[in-house]
Amino acid sequence: MLSTLRGSLKGYLTGVGWWLWLRLTGSRCIACGWLFLAHTPWRSWRCNRTPLPQTITEQGLARLEDHGHTEAEADLAAAVRAKRTA
């Protein structure tokens, strides 16, 4: 059962805490602007698959390139840089 909790019970409980906080404090969805409290399961499914209107700035891209600790972060920085120059 713990393998389904992505590693630990502490991580699961942290996720539940954030879920409750987002639902009950009047936070809004980044993708659609609706209150999380008003999100039905279908709406959550749609919003989770919606591209966010956020981009990586030049400063953030430089930080990824300079301090990338994993190969995935370095690959992400290279892909974003290539897409911007194309």
Protein backbone atom coordinates (compact mmCIF):
# COMPACT_ATOMS: atom_id res chain seq x y z
CA MET A 1 0.00 0.00 0.00
CA LEU A 2 2.78 2.45 0.79
CA SER A 3 4.16 2.09 -2.72
CA THR A 4 0.97 3.70 -4.02
CA LEU A 5 1.60 6.69 -1.76
CA ARG A 6 4.70 7.61 -3.77
CA GLY A 7 7.21 6.68 -1.18
CA SER A 8 6.03 7.65 2.25
CA LEU A 9 3.09 8.33 4.46
CA LYS A 10 4.52 11.77 5.24
CA GLY A 11 4.40 12.70 1.54
CA TYR A 12 0.83 11.47 1.27
CA LEU A 13 -0.28 13.46 4.31
CA THR A 14 1.46 16.57 2.98
CA GLY A 15 -0.46 16.19 -0.28
CA VAL A 16 -3.76 15.80 1.56
CA GLY A 17 -2.98 18.91 3.60
CA TRP A 18 -2.27 20.98 0.49
CA TRP A 19 -5.40 19.63 -1.20
CA LEU A 20 -7.53 20.71 1.77
CA TRP A 21 -5.83 24.10 1.98
CA LEU A 22 -6.39 24.79 -1.73
CA ARG A 23 -10.02 23.70 -1.56
CA LEU A 24 -11.02 25.52 1.60
CA THR A 25 -9.12 28.83 1.48
CA GLY A 26 -10.63 30.28 -1.68
CA SER A 27 -7.60 29.62 -3.91
CA ARG A 28 -8.16 29.85 -7.64
CA CYS A 29 -7.07 27.55 -10.44
CA ILE A 30 -4.19 28.88 -12.53
CA ALA A 31 -5.57 27.35 -15.73
CA CYS A 32 -9.19 28.53 -15.63
CA GLY A 33 -9.53 30.99 -12.74
CA TRP A 34 -12.34 29.07 -11.00
CA LEU A 35 -12.32 28.50 -7.25
CA PHE A 36 -10.87 25.11 -6.39
CA LEU A 37 -13.91 24.55 -4.23
CA ALA A 38 -16.10 24.70 -7.36
CA HIS A 39 -13.95 22.25 -9.33
CA THR A 40 -15.75 19.04 -10.14
CA PRO A 41 -13.63 15.97 -10.92
CA TRP A 42 -14.20 16.57 -14.66
CA ARG A 43 -13.12 20.21 -14.40
CA SER A 44 -10.00 19.20 -12.46
CA TRP A 45 -9.21 16.63 -15.14
CA ARG A 46 -9.49 19.30 -17.86
CA CYS A 47 -7.43 21.87 -15.96
CA ASN A 48 -4.69 19.36 -15.16
CA ARG A 49 -4.28 18.81 -18.91
CA THR A 50 -4.40 22.47 -19.93
CA PRO A 51 -1.10 24.15 -20.86
CA LEU A 52 -0.37 26.87 -18.34
CA PRO A 53 0.04 30.48 -19.48
CA GLN A 54 3.51 30.64 -17.93
CA THR A 55 6.91 30.75 -19.59
CA ILE A 56 10.49 30.39 -18.43
CA THR A 57 12.18 33.79 -18.34
CA GLU A 58 15.74 34.38 -19.54
CA GLN A 59 16.84 34.67 -15.91
CA GLY A 60 15.21 31.35 -15.04
CA LEU A 61 16.69 29.69 -18.11
CA ALA A 62 20.18 30.91 -17.18
CA ARG A 63 19.67 29.59 -13.67
CA LEU A 64 18.67 26.18 -15.04
CA GLU A 65 21.75 26.08 -17.21
CA ASP A 66 24.12 27.23 -14.47
CA HIS A 67 22.76 25.24 -11.56
CA GLY A 68 21.11 22.27 -13.24
CA HIS A 69 21.71 19.34 -10.93
CA THR A 70 20.11 16.66 -13.01
CA GLU A 71 20.37 15.62 -16.61
CA ALA A 72 16.63 16.28 -17.04
CA GLU A 73 17.04 19.94 -15.99
CA ALA A 74 19.92 20.38 -18.43
CA ASP A 75 17.84 18.77 -21.20
CA LEU A 76 14.90 21.08 -20.40
CA ALA A 77 17.11 24.16 -20.60
CA ALA A 78 18.59 23.02 -23.92
CA ALA A 79 15.13 22.28 -25.37
CA VAL A 80 13.75 25.69 -24.35
CA ARG A 81 16.83 27.46 -25.71
CA ALA A 82 16.55 25.58 -29.03
CA LYS A 83 12.83 26.36 -29.33
CA ARG A 84 13.44 30.06 -28.74
CA THR A 85 16.19 30.33 -31.34
CA ALA A 86 14.22 28.39 -33.98
